Protein backbone atom coordinates (compact mmCIF):
# COMPACT_ATOMS: atom_id res chain seq x y z
CA MET A 1 3.82 -8.40 -29.48
CA PHE A 2 5.19 -11.97 -29.15
CA LYS A 3 8.83 -10.85 -29.33
CA HIS A 4 9.08 -10.87 -25.53
CA PHE A 5 6.78 -13.84 -24.95
CA LYS A 6 8.90 -15.55 -22.27
CA THR A 7 9.27 -12.38 -20.22
CA ASP A 8 5.61 -11.49 -20.58
CA LEU A 9 4.60 -15.04 -19.65
CA LYS A 10 6.46 -14.75 -16.34
CA SER A 11 4.98 -11.31 -15.70
CA GLY A 12 1.49 -12.53 -16.54
CA LEU A 13 1.85 -15.37 -14.03
CA VAL A 14 2.94 -12.93 -11.32
CA VAL A 15 0.03 -10.61 -12.05
CA PHE A 16 -2.39 -13.54 -11.93
CA LEU A 17 -1.12 -14.54 -8.48
CA VAL A 18 -1.57 -10.96 -7.25
CA ALA A 19 -4.94 -10.46 -8.95
CA LEU A 20 -6.65 -13.68 -7.84
CA PRO A 21 -7.17 -12.84 -4.14
CA LEU A 22 -7.89 -9.20 -4.96
CA CYS A 23 -10.66 -10.07 -7.42
CA LEU A 24 -12.28 -12.38 -4.89
CA GLY A 25 -11.87 -9.94 -2.01
CA ILE A 26 -13.29 -6.99 -3.93
CA ALA A 27 -16.31 -9.04 -5.03
CA PHE A 28 -16.89 -9.86 -1.36
CA LEU A 29 -16.62 -6.17 -0.41
CA GLN A 30 -19.12 -5.22 -3.09
CA LYS A 31 -21.54 -7.87 -1.80
CA ALA A 32 -21.47 -9.61 -5.18
CA PRO A 33 -21.01 -13.34 -5.88
CA LEU A 34 -17.30 -14.22 -5.64
CA PHE A 35 -17.48 -15.63 -9.13
CA SER A 36 -18.30 -12.11 -10.37
CA GLY A 37 -14.81 -11.01 -9.39
CA ILE A 38 -13.29 -13.84 -11.40
CA ILE A 39 -15.38 -12.95 -14.47
CA SER A 40 -14.16 -9.35 -14.30
CA GLY A 41 -10.57 -10.53 -13.90
CA ILE A 42 -10.87 -12.67 -17.03
CA ILE A 43 -12.55 -9.92 -19.09
CA GLY A 44 -10.17 -7.25 -17.83
CA GLY A 45 -7.18 -9.36 -18.77
CA ILE A 46 -8.22 -10.78 -22.13
CA VAL A 47 -10.70 -8.31 -23.62
CA VAL A 48 -9.72 -4.90 -22.22
CA SER A 49 -5.96 -5.51 -22.59
CA SER A 50 -6.45 -6.64 -26.20
CA ILE A 51 -8.27 -3.40 -27.10
CA SER A 52 -6.24 -1.01 -24.95
CA LYS A 53 -2.99 0.51 -26.19
CA SER A 54 -1.45 0.71 -22.72
CA ARG A 55 1.77 -1.28 -22.41
CA PHE A 56 1.46 -2.23 -18.75
CA SER A 57 -2.05 -1.46 -17.53
CA VAL A 58 -3.90 -4.40 -15.99
CA SER A 59 -7.66 -4.06 -15.66
CA GLY A 60 -9.97 -5.73 -13.17
CA PRO A 61 -12.18 -5.04 -10.17
CA ASP A 62 -11.09 -1.97 -8.19
CA ALA A 63 -11.78 -1.58 -4.46
CA GLY A 64 -12.09 2.17 -5.02
CA LEU A 65 -15.38 1.54 -6.81
CA THR A 66 -16.98 -0.27 -3.86
CA THR A 67 -18.98 2.69 -2.56
CA ALA A 68 -20.34 3.49 -6.03
CA VAL A 69 -21.30 -0.15 -6.63
CA LEU A 70 -23.09 -0.57 -3.30
CA ALA A 71 -24.97 2.71 -3.78
CA THR A 72 -26.07 1.77 -7.30
CA VAL A 73 -27.24 -1.71 -6.28
CA ALA A 74 -29.22 -0.16 -3.41
CA ALA A 75 -30.83 2.40 -5.76
CA LEU A 76 -31.84 -0.24 -8.32
CA GLY A 77 -32.92 -2.89 -5.86
CA SER A 78 -31.09 -5.97 -7.12
CA PHE A 79 -27.74 -7.19 -8.42
CA GLU A 80 -29.36 -8.29 -11.70
CA ALA A 81 -30.68 -4.74 -12.27
CA PHE A 82 -27.21 -3.46 -11.48
CA LEU A 83 -25.78 -5.70 -14.21
CA LEU A 84 -28.03 -4.02 -16.80
CA CYS A 85 -26.95 -0.65 -15.43
CA LEU A 86 -23.31 -1.71 -15.89
CA VAL A 87 -24.01 -2.60 -19.55
CA VAL A 88 -25.43 0.90 -20.14
CA ALA A 89 -22.55 2.51 -18.20
CA GLY A 90 -20.10 0.65 -20.44
CA CYS A 91 -21.87 2.03 -23.54
CA ILE A 92 -21.57 5.54 -22.10
CA GLN A 93 -17.85 5.00 -21.46
CA VAL A 94 -17.41 4.04 -25.11
CA ILE A 95 -19.18 7.26 -26.10
CA PHE A 96 -16.87 9.22 -23.76
CA GLY A 97 -13.91 7.75 -25.61
CA LEU A 98 -15.34 8.48 -29.05
CA VAL A 99 -16.00 12.15 -28.19
CA LYS A 100 -12.39 12.47 -26.88
CA ALA A 101 -13.30 12.97 -23.22
CA GLY A 102 -10.14 11.11 -22.21
CA ILE A 103 -8.14 14.34 -22.53
CA VAL A 104 -9.34 15.16 -18.99
CA GLY A 105 -6.80 12.72 -17.60
CA HIS A 106 -3.87 14.82 -18.81
CA TYR A 107 -4.92 17.73 -16.59
CA ILE A 108 -4.24 15.91 -13.32
CA PRO A 109 -1.18 17.48 -11.63
CA PHE A 110 1.88 15.24 -11.36
CA ALA A 111 2.12 15.93 -7.63
CA VAL A 112 -1.35 14.40 -7.20
CA ILE A 113 -0.47 11.37 -9.34
CA LYS A 114 2.66 10.75 -7.29
CA GLY A 115 0.55 11.11 -4.16
CA VAL A 116 -1.80 8.41 -5.47
CA LEU A 117 1.12 6.04 -6.06
CA ALA A 118 2.54 6.66 -2.60
CA SER A 119 -0.91 6.21 -1.03
CA ILE A 120 -1.51 2.89 -2.76
CA GLY A 121 1.87 1.71 -1.50
CA ILE A 122 1.11 2.68 2.09
CA ILE A 123 -2.38 1.16 1.94
CA LEU A 124 -0.99 -2.12 0.57
CA ILE A 125 1.52 -2.36 3.40
CA MET A 126 -0.91 -1.46 6.18
CA LYS A 127 -3.75 -3.63 4.85
CA GLN A 128 -1.61 -6.69 4.13
CA ILE A 129 0.37 -6.85 7.37
CA PRO A 130 -2.61 -8.46 9.19
CA HIS A 131 -2.90 -11.11 6.44
CA LEU A 132 0.85 -11.70 6.72
CA VAL A 133 0.45 -12.77 10.36
CA GLY A 134 -2.78 -14.72 9.90
CA TYR A 135 -5.39 -12.13 10.89
CA ASP A 136 -7.85 -12.25 7.97
CA ALA A 137 -10.87 -10.41 9.38
CA ASP A 138 -10.79 -7.79 6.60
CA ALA A 139 -11.35 -8.88 3.00
CA GLU A 140 -8.48 -8.90 0.51
CA GLY A 141 -8.46 -5.83 -1.69
CA ASP A 142 -10.14 -3.50 0.82
CA GLU A 143 -8.50 -0.07 0.47
CA SER A 144 -10.90 1.92 2.64
CA PHE A 145 -9.78 3.35 5.97
CA LEU A 146 -13.25 2.83 7.46
CA GLN A 147 -14.27 -0.80 7.03
CA THR A 148 -17.77 -2.24 6.74
CA ASP A 149 -17.27 -4.20 9.99
CA GLY A 150 -16.89 -0.99 12.00
CA GLN A 151 -13.12 -1.28 12.24
CA ASN A 152 -10.50 0.80 10.44
CA THR A 153 -7.00 0.28 9.09
CA LEU A 154 -5.29 1.31 12.33
CA SER A 155 -7.58 -0.63 14.66
CA GLU A 156 -7.03 -3.78 12.59
CA LEU A 157 -3.28 -3.44 13.13
CA LEU A 158 -3.96 -3.42 16.87
CA ASN A 159 -6.50 -6.24 16.72
CA MET A 160 -4.13 -8.56 14.88
CA VAL A 161 -1.77 -8.62 17.89
CA ASN A 162 -4.34 -10.71 19.77
CA ASP A 163 -4.93 -13.13 16.90
CA LEU A 164 -1.54 -14.10 15.49
CA ASN A 165 -1.09 -17.39 13.67
CA PRO A 166 2.38 -18.99 13.96
CA GLY A 167 2.04 -20.78 10.61
CA SER A 168 1.09 -17.61 8.75
CA ILE A 169 3.94 -15.68 10.39
CA LEU A 170 6.41 -18.40 9.42
CA ILE A 171 5.23 -18.46 5.80
CA GLY A 172 4.98 -14.66 5.66
CA VAL A 173 8.51 -14.07 6.93
CA LEU A 174 9.86 -16.81 4.68
CA SER A 175 8.09 -15.21 1.70
CA LEU A 176 9.50 -11.76 2.43
CA GLY A 177 12.94 -13.32 2.76
CA ILE A 178 12.64 -14.90 -0.69
CA LEU A 179 11.49 -11.62 -2.24
CA LEU A 180 14.46 -9.80 -0.71
CA LEU A 181 16.87 -12.59 -1.67
CA TRP A 182 15.77 -12.32 -5.30
CA GLN A 183 16.94 -8.68 -5.28
CA THR A 184 20.51 -9.54 -4.28
CA ASN A 185 23.48 -9.77 -6.61
CA VAL A 186 24.03 -13.39 -5.55
CA ILE A 187 20.75 -14.49 -7.15
CA LYS A 188 21.13 -12.14 -10.09
CA LYS A 189 24.55 -13.60 -10.91
CA THR A 190 23.12 -17.12 -11.05
CA GLY A 191 20.45 -15.99 -13.52
CA ILE A 192 17.76 -17.97 -11.72
CA HIS A 193 15.58 -14.85 -11.50
CA ASN A 194 15.33 -14.90 -15.31
CA TYR A 195 13.57 -18.26 -15.19
CA ILE A 196 11.69 -18.24 -11.91
CA PRO A 197 10.15 -14.92 -10.83
CA ALA A 198 10.29 -14.28 -7.09
CA PRO A 199 6.48 -14.21 -6.59
CA LEU A 200 6.16 -17.66 -8.19
CA MET A 201 8.85 -19.03 -5.90
CA VAL A 202 7.04 -17.45 -2.94
CA VAL A 203 3.76 -19.12 -3.87
CA VAL A 204 5.33 -22.54 -4.51
CA ILE A 205 7.33 -22.55 -1.28
CA GLY A 206 4.36 -21.12 0.61
CA ALA A 207 2.12 -23.95 -0.60
CA CYS A 208 4.79 -26.56 0.23
CA ALA A 209 5.27 -25.04 3.68
CA PHE A 210 1.51 -25.28 4.29
CA LEU A 211 1.52 -28.99 3.39
CA LEU A 212 4.47 -29.61 5.73
CA LEU A 213 3.00 -27.77 8.70
CA ASP A 214 0.50 -30.46 9.66
CA PRO A 215 2.94 -33.38 9.98
CA PHE A 216 5.88 -31.41 11.41
CA LEU A 217 4.39 -28.35 13.18
CA PRO A 218 0.77 -29.22 13.95
CA HIS A 219 0.37 -26.30 16.37
CA ALA A 220 1.07 -23.93 13.45
CA TYR A 221 -1.32 -25.60 11.02
CA LEU A 222 -3.35 -23.28 8.78
CA ASN A 223 -7.07 -23.77 8.40
CA LYS A 224 -9.07 -22.97 5.26
CA SER A 225 -9.64 -19.34 6.26
CA HIS A 226 -5.88 -18.71 5.91
CA LEU A 227 -5.79 -20.02 2.33
CA VAL A 228 -7.10 -18.76 -1.00
CA ASP A 229 -10.81 -19.55 -1.05
CA LEU A 230 -12.35 -20.00 -4.51
CA PRO A 231 -16.04 -20.29 -5.38
CA ASP A 232 -17.38 -23.82 -5.81
CA ILE A 233 -16.07 -24.30 -9.35
CA HIS A 234 -14.54 -27.57 -10.54
CA SER A 235 -14.94 -27.40 -14.31
CA PRO A 236 -15.73 -25.05 -17.21
CA ALA A 237 -19.34 -26.25 -16.96
CA ASP A 238 -19.46 -24.98 -13.37
CA MET A 239 -18.25 -21.60 -14.58
CA ILE A 240 -21.02 -21.36 -17.17
CA LYS A 241 -23.60 -22.47 -14.58
CA ASN A 242 -22.53 -19.65 -12.22
CA ILE A 243 -22.95 -16.86 -14.78
CA GLN A 244 -25.68 -14.37 -13.84
CA THR A 245 -27.51 -12.30 -16.44
CA PRO A 246 -28.96 -8.76 -16.32
CA ASP A 247 -32.57 -7.98 -15.50
CA PHE A 248 -33.65 -6.59 -18.88
CA SER A 249 -37.11 -5.75 -17.54
CA MET A 250 -35.51 -2.58 -16.10
CA TRP A 251 -34.68 -1.15 -19.53
CA ASN A 252 -37.55 1.39 -19.47
CA LYS A 253 -36.82 2.79 -16.00
CA LEU A 254 -35.40 6.33 -15.93
CA ILE A 255 -33.46 5.64 -12.73
CA LEU A 256 -31.47 2.97 -14.59
CA TYR A 257 -30.04 5.54 -17.00
CA GLN A 258 -29.45 8.13 -14.27
CA GLU A 259 -27.47 5.62 -12.25
CA ALA A 260 -25.66 4.38 -15.37
CA LEU A 261 -24.48 7.89 -16.24
CA LEU A 262 -23.19 8.45 -12.72
CA LEU A 263 -21.50 5.05 -12.68
CA ALA A 264 -19.90 5.69 -16.10
CA VAL A 265 -18.45 8.99 -14.86
CA VAL A 266 -17.00 7.34 -11.73
CA LEU A 267 -15.57 4.42 -13.73
CA SER A 268 -14.04 6.75 -16.31
CA ILE A 269 -12.47 9.07 -13.75
CA ASP A 270 -11.07 6.09 -11.86
CA THR A 271 -9.54 4.67 -15.04
CA LEU A 272 -8.05 7.99 -16.15
CA LEU A 273 -6.48 8.55 -12.72
CA ASN A 274 -5.00 5.07 -12.67
CA ILE A 275 -3.75 5.26 -16.26
CA GLU A 276 -1.94 8.54 -15.55
CA ALA A 277 -0.33 6.97 -12.48
CA ILE A 278 0.67 3.81 -14.36
CA ASP A 279 2.28 5.86 -17.13
CA LYS A 280 4.41 7.55 -14.46
CA LEU A 281 5.79 4.09 -13.56
CA ASP A 282 6.66 3.26 -17.17
CA PRO A 283 10.49 3.39 -17.49
CA GLN A 284 10.13 4.44 -21.14
CA ASN A 285 7.60 7.22 -20.34
CA TYR A 286 5.03 5.85 -22.77
CA ILE A 287 1.80 7.87 -22.85
CA THR A 288 -1.35 5.77 -23.07
CA PRO A 289 -4.04 7.05 -25.50
CA THR A 290 -6.73 7.83 -22.94
CA ASN A 291 -9.64 7.93 -25.38
CA ARG A 292 -8.81 4.44 -26.63
CA GLU A 293 -8.58 3.35 -22.98
CA LEU A 294 -12.10 4.59 -22.26
CA VAL A 295 -13.40 2.63 -25.24
CA ALA A 296 -11.59 -0.50 -24.04
CA GLN A 297 -12.88 -0.13 -20.49
CA GLY A 298 -16.39 0.56 -21.77
CA ILE A 299 -16.47 -2.61 -23.84
CA GLY A 300 -15.07 -4.53 -20.88
CA ASN A 301 -17.77 -3.23 -18.55
CA MET A 302 -20.50 -4.01 -21.09
CA LEU A 303 -19.32 -7.63 -21.15
CA CYS A 304 -19.04 -7.71 -17.35
CA GLY A 305 -22.66 -6.61 -17.11
CA LEU A 306 -23.83 -9.20 -19.65
CA LEU A 307 -21.91 -12.08 -18.00
CA GLY A 308 -22.47 -11.26 -14.34
CA GLY A 309 -19.20 -9.51 -13.51
CA ILE A 310 -18.53 -6.48 -11.33
CA PRO A 311 -17.23 -3.15 -12.70
CA LEU A 312 -13.63 -3.01 -13.79
CA SER A 313 -11.10 -0.30 -14.45
CA SER A 314 -7.37 0.04 -14.90
CA VAL A 315 -5.80 -0.82 -11.52
CA ILE A 316 -2.51 0.42 -10.10
CA VAL A 317 -1.64 -2.50 -7.82
CA ARG A 318 -1.79 -5.18 -10.53
CA SER A 319 -0.20 -2.87 -13.09
CA SER A 320 2.65 -2.06 -10.72
CA ALA A 321 3.22 -5.76 -10.10
CA ASN A 322 3.25 -6.22 -13.88
CA ILE A 323 5.95 -3.59 -14.33
CA ASN A 324 8.03 -4.86 -11.40
CA ALA A 325 7.87 -8.39 -12.82
CA GLY A 326 9.58 -7.16 -15.98
CA ALA A 327 6.69 -7.05 -18.47
CA LYS A 328 7.62 -5.76 -21.91
CA THR A 329 4.26 -5.55 -23.70
CA LYS A 330 0.54 -5.75 -23.01
CA LEU A 331 0.73 -9.47 -23.74
CA SER A 332 1.53 -10.03 -20.06
CA ALA A 333 -1.85 -8.57 -19.06
CA ILE A 334 -3.62 -10.75 -21.64
CA ILE A 335 -1.77 -13.83 -20.36
CA HIS A 336 -2.89 -13.05 -16.81
CA GLY A 337 -6.49 -13.12 -18.05
CA VAL A 338 -5.96 -16.42 -19.87
CA LEU A 339 -4.41 -17.92 -16.72
CA PHE A 340 -7.47 -16.77 -14.78
CA LEU A 341 -9.70 -18.66 -17.20
CA LEU A 342 -7.61 -21.83 -17.33
CA MET A 343 -6.47 -22.22 -13.74
CA VAL A 344 -9.80 -21.41 -12.13
CA SER A 345 -11.51 -23.80 -14.56
CA PHE A 346 -9.14 -26.76 -14.36
CA ILE A 347 -6.97 -26.63 -11.22
CA PRO A 348 -8.89 -24.76 -8.50
CA ALA A 349 -7.74 -27.30 -5.87
CA VAL A 350 -4.10 -26.34 -6.49
CA LEU A 351 -4.86 -22.63 -6.12
CA GLU A 352 -6.60 -23.32 -2.80
CA LEU A 353 -3.26 -24.53 -1.37
CA ILE A 354 -1.81 -20.99 -1.56
CA PRO A 355 -1.56 -19.31 1.88
CA LYS A 356 -2.82 -15.75 2.11
CA ALA A 357 0.36 -14.89 4.01
CA ALA A 358 2.45 -15.65 0.92
CA LEU A 359 0.30 -13.42 -1.27
CA ALA A 360 0.35 -10.72 1.42
CA ALA A 361 4.15 -10.72 1.29
CA ILE A 362 4.05 -10.16 -2.48
CA LEU A 363 1.63 -7.24 -2.08
CA ILE A 364 3.64 -5.71 0.77
CA PHE A 365 6.76 -5.87 -1.39
CA THR A 366 4.83 -4.23 -4.23
CA GLY A 367 3.71 -1.53 -1.79
CA PHE A 368 7.30 -0.72 -0.82
CA ARG A 369 8.17 -0.32 -4.49
CA LEU A 370 5.38 2.25 -4.85
CA THR A 371 6.14 4.34 -1.78
CA THR A 372 9.92 4.48 -1.70
CA PRO A 373 11.74 7.16 0.36
CA LYS A 374 13.24 8.39 -2.93
CA LEU A 375 9.75 9.40 -4.13
CA TYR A 376 9.17 11.62 -1.07
CA LYS A 377 12.65 13.12 -1.32
CA THR A 378 12.23 13.91 -5.03
CA VAL A 379 8.87 15.62 -4.59
CA TYR A 380 10.14 17.58 -1.58
CA LYS A 381 13.05 18.95 -3.62
CA GLN A 382 10.59 20.22 -6.25
CA GLY A 383 9.23 22.80 -3.82
CA PHE A 384 6.43 23.33 -1.36
CA ASP A 385 3.88 23.94 -4.14
CA GLN A 386 4.49 20.32 -5.24
CA PHE A 387 5.09 18.69 -1.87
CA PHE A 388 2.00 20.06 -0.11
CA PRO A 389 -0.55 18.77 -2.69
CA PHE A 390 1.39 15.49 -2.69
CA VAL A 391 1.01 15.13 1.09
CA ILE A 392 -2.64 16.26 1.08
CA THR A 393 -3.43 13.64 -1.57
CA ILE A 394 -1.81 10.93 0.55
CA LEU A 395 -3.57 11.90 3.77
CA ALA A 396 -6.99 12.29 2.14
CA PHE A 397 -6.62 9.01 0.24
CA LEU A 398 -5.52 7.10 3.34
CA LEU A 399 -8.45 8.40 5.39
CA THR A 400 -11.12 8.17 2.66
CA ASP A 401 -10.72 6.81 -0.87
CA LEU A 402 -9.08 7.45 -4.24
CA LEU A 403 -11.56 9.97 -5.65
CA VAL A 404 -11.66 12.06 -2.47
CA GLY A 405 -7.87 11.96 -2.20
CA VAL A 406 -7.40 13.09 -5.79
CA SER A 407 -10.05 15.80 -5.43
CA CYS A 408 -8.31 17.21 -2.34
CA GLY A 409 -4.95 17.08 -4.12
CA ILE A 410 -6.28 18.88 -7.20
CA VAL A 411 -7.97 21.59 -5.09
CA THR A 412 -4.70 22.14 -3.22
CA SER A 413 -2.74 22.30 -6.48
CA VAL A 414 -5.21 24.83 -7.92
CA PHE A 415 -4.79 26.95 -4.80
CA PHE A 416 -1.04 27.15 -5.42
CA ILE A 417 -1.64 27.96 -9.09
CA LEU A 418 -4.00 30.80 -8.14
CA ARG A 419 -1.55 31.98 -5.52
CA GLN A 420 1.30 32.01 -8.04
CA ASN A 421 -0.81 33.83 -10.64
CA TYR A 422 -1.91 36.38 -8.06
CA ARG A 423 1.66 37.14 -7.04
CA ASN A 424 3.39 37.45 -10.38
CA PRO A 425 1.30 39.31 -12.97
CA TYR A 426 4.03 41.91 -13.61
CA LYS A 427 7.47 43.24 -12.85
CA ILE A 428 7.82 46.77 -11.52
CA VAL A 429 10.68 49.24 -11.21
CA LYS A 430 10.25 52.43 -9.17
CA ASP A 431 12.55 55.40 -9.61
CA GLU A 432 12.49 59.06 -8.60
CA ILE A 433 13.55 61.37 -11.43
CA ASP A 434 13.71 65.14 -10.93
CA GLY A 435 11.55 64.85 -7.83
CA GLN A 436 8.81 62.89 -9.62
CA MET A 437 8.06 59.20 -8.95
CA ASN A 438 8.27 57.02 -12.05
CA TYR A 439 6.69 53.56 -12.23
CA PHE A 440 7.82 51.14 -14.98
CA ILE A 441 5.39 48.18 -15.10
CA LYS A 442 6.11 45.24 -17.42
CA LEU A 443 3.24 42.75 -17.66
CA SER A 444 3.93 39.00 -17.56
CA GLN A 445 3.62 36.63 -20.51
CA ASN A 446 0.06 35.63 -19.61
CA VAL A 447 -2.12 37.95 -17.54
CA THR A 448 -5.52 36.50 -16.65
CA PHE A 449 -8.50 37.64 -14.61
CA LEU A 450 -6.80 35.91 -11.66
CA ASN A 451 -4.22 38.71 -11.71
CA LYS A 452 -6.82 41.47 -11.68
CA GLY A 453 -6.84 41.95 -7.91
CA LYS A 454 -3.07 42.29 -7.63
CA LEU A 455 -2.96 44.83 -10.47
CA ILE A 456 -5.81 46.87 -8.95
CA GLU A 457 -3.91 47.03 -5.65
CA LEU A 458 -0.81 48.30 -7.42
CA LEU A 459 -2.52 50.97 -9.51
CA HIS A 460 -4.52 52.26 -6.54
CA SER A 461 -1.32 52.60 -4.53
CA ILE A 462 0.36 54.95 -7.05
CA PRO A 463 0.45 58.46 -5.54
CA GLN A 464 -0.83 61.58 -7.30
CA GLY A 465 1.61 63.42 -9.53
CA SER A 466 3.44 60.25 -10.60
CA LYS A 467 4.52 59.12 -14.06
CA VAL A 468 3.49 55.58 -15.08
CA PHE A 469 4.62 53.44 -17.99
CA ILE A 470 2.83 50.07 -18.58
CA ASP A 471 4.41 47.72 -21.13
CA GLY A 472 2.51 44.74 -22.55
CA GLY A 473 5.10 43.96 -25.23
CA ARG A 474 6.11 40.55 -23.85
CA SER A 475 2.56 39.41 -23.12
CA ASN A 476 1.04 36.70 -25.29
CA PHE A 477 -2.32 37.09 -23.60
CA ILE A 478 -3.94 39.85 -21.57
CA ASP A 479 -7.40 39.11 -20.22
CA LYS A 480 -10.19 41.60 -21.07
CA ASP A 481 -10.77 42.08 -17.32
CA VAL A 482 -7.17 43.26 -16.95
CA LEU A 483 -7.46 45.55 -19.97
CA GLU A 484 -10.57 47.08 -18.42
CA VAL A 485 -8.70 47.71 -15.16
CA ILE A 486 -5.97 49.53 -17.11
CA SER A 487 -8.53 51.53 -19.10
CA GLU A 488 -10.31 52.58 -15.90
CA PHE A 489 -6.98 53.62 -14.42
CA LYS A 490 -6.26 55.70 -17.55
CA ARG A 491 -9.62 57.43 -17.19
CA SER A 492 -8.81 58.36 -13.58
CA CYS A 493 -5.28 59.63 -14.30
CA PRO A 494 -6.22 63.26 -15.19
CA TYR A 495 -8.09 63.60 -11.88
CA ASN A 496 -4.98 62.46 -9.95
CA ASN A 497 -2.41 64.35 -12.03
CA ILE A 498 -0.84 61.07 -13.20
CA GLU A 499 0.96 60.90 -16.54
CA LEU A 500 0.32 57.50 -18.17
CA SER A 501 2.01 55.85 -21.17
CA LEU A 502 0.87 52.49 -22.59
CA GLU A 503 2.94 50.20 -24.84
CA GLU A 504 1.23 47.45 -26.89
CA ILE A 505 -1.86 47.42 -24.70
CA GLU A 506 -5.29 47.39 -26.27
CA GLU A 507 -7.77 49.68 -24.53
CA VAL A 508 -11.37 48.60 -24.04
CA GLU A 509 -14.50 50.71 -24.17
CA LEU A 510 -15.82 51.60 -20.73
CA ILE A 511 -19.40 52.19 -19.62
CA SER A 512 -19.72 55.92 -19.08
């Protein structure tokens, strides 16, 4: 695992820079102490990544879980009770992994997964543009179209026009320029990108630009609201003092276990969706063992509950940044967790010099990498049955959240599967021989109950006095419903003067 230490160290640093504001912002959205987001970032990086077998997955707080968290806290009455619920939910996730429930993740259509990736990219761009220009009304990490302040993603883009900050715009444009410059052959030929990752350069120059604004461009000076804002932590002792513990007096309440089961299901589905999407980004097409991932996430959430953190799962944004930064092994995700622990404990003042505009530029660039025109073109070429679920997933995700978007995409994909099954249960050749109509019907490889309606329509359309030959020789599976339809047709043939021949078709007993 340490073979690529230098590369993974750089990637881990990049992921830390991306994850820091997101962990804080998501904790704010979930109405939890900001320190809870940091705890989950540390546990997700060090503990979950150590147990998981995913090469690139980075775990931490996920904005997609906000609704579930707020609902659970409201049902239980306090954040401390919620922490105990999270411990139980983590135990249930471990059980899910042990009973092999992770296999569910492999049944998500690829069109839906690609739609999730494209949606995340679009959301990153649209949500971070206001931060890029100094309009920070919405919390970092918010992925919801409808915001808690009554605004939405589109209205915020309009609102920012009236509240632009020259300093943020300057730093934001400069940061995007650096990110683009690092992609050019000029920089690649110098080899500097091998030693200094672009996001690190963005953060360093962004912090220096902030310090220079006051003496040289005072009208563009950034106030504290435009910078990374950490909880009041100045030492490891402060971290320990801020840890909240679960309310164990709730252990005998039935509602605790009901809410824990629901939360475990939501956390597990969220992780499985994200893991499938992350594996699609892996250039080596590595497949993450999903059952092991559920165990890892479960243990992580148990610790989050015990130490006052918020729920965590595998997260696409941080994982995508990890891959784009050149990570080679899961060590990069572990390093990001270690950096969380060390930097927040020992140098919080340095982190608070980072402008949000610089971090917004990094996230916008990550968003463009997720929602490239090539992705849309590739899915479109695969056919309407792939492109339509892809688009539906994107639209539903953008207007609601991840789980709703994926649900809509899966329903749409199932519709096309049913439609395809309904249309192609057989091949038929019609021929008139000696004045008599002959029907040669060859059943498909797999004929299920979904094909029953189409077959009934065909058999009922055959005119009296015809000759029919039905061949099931190439079928691996013929549903009992279909066999019953054929048997009923055979029973009716003498009454309609139809001559029927069956080849390799098992007849079923009919109710007389």
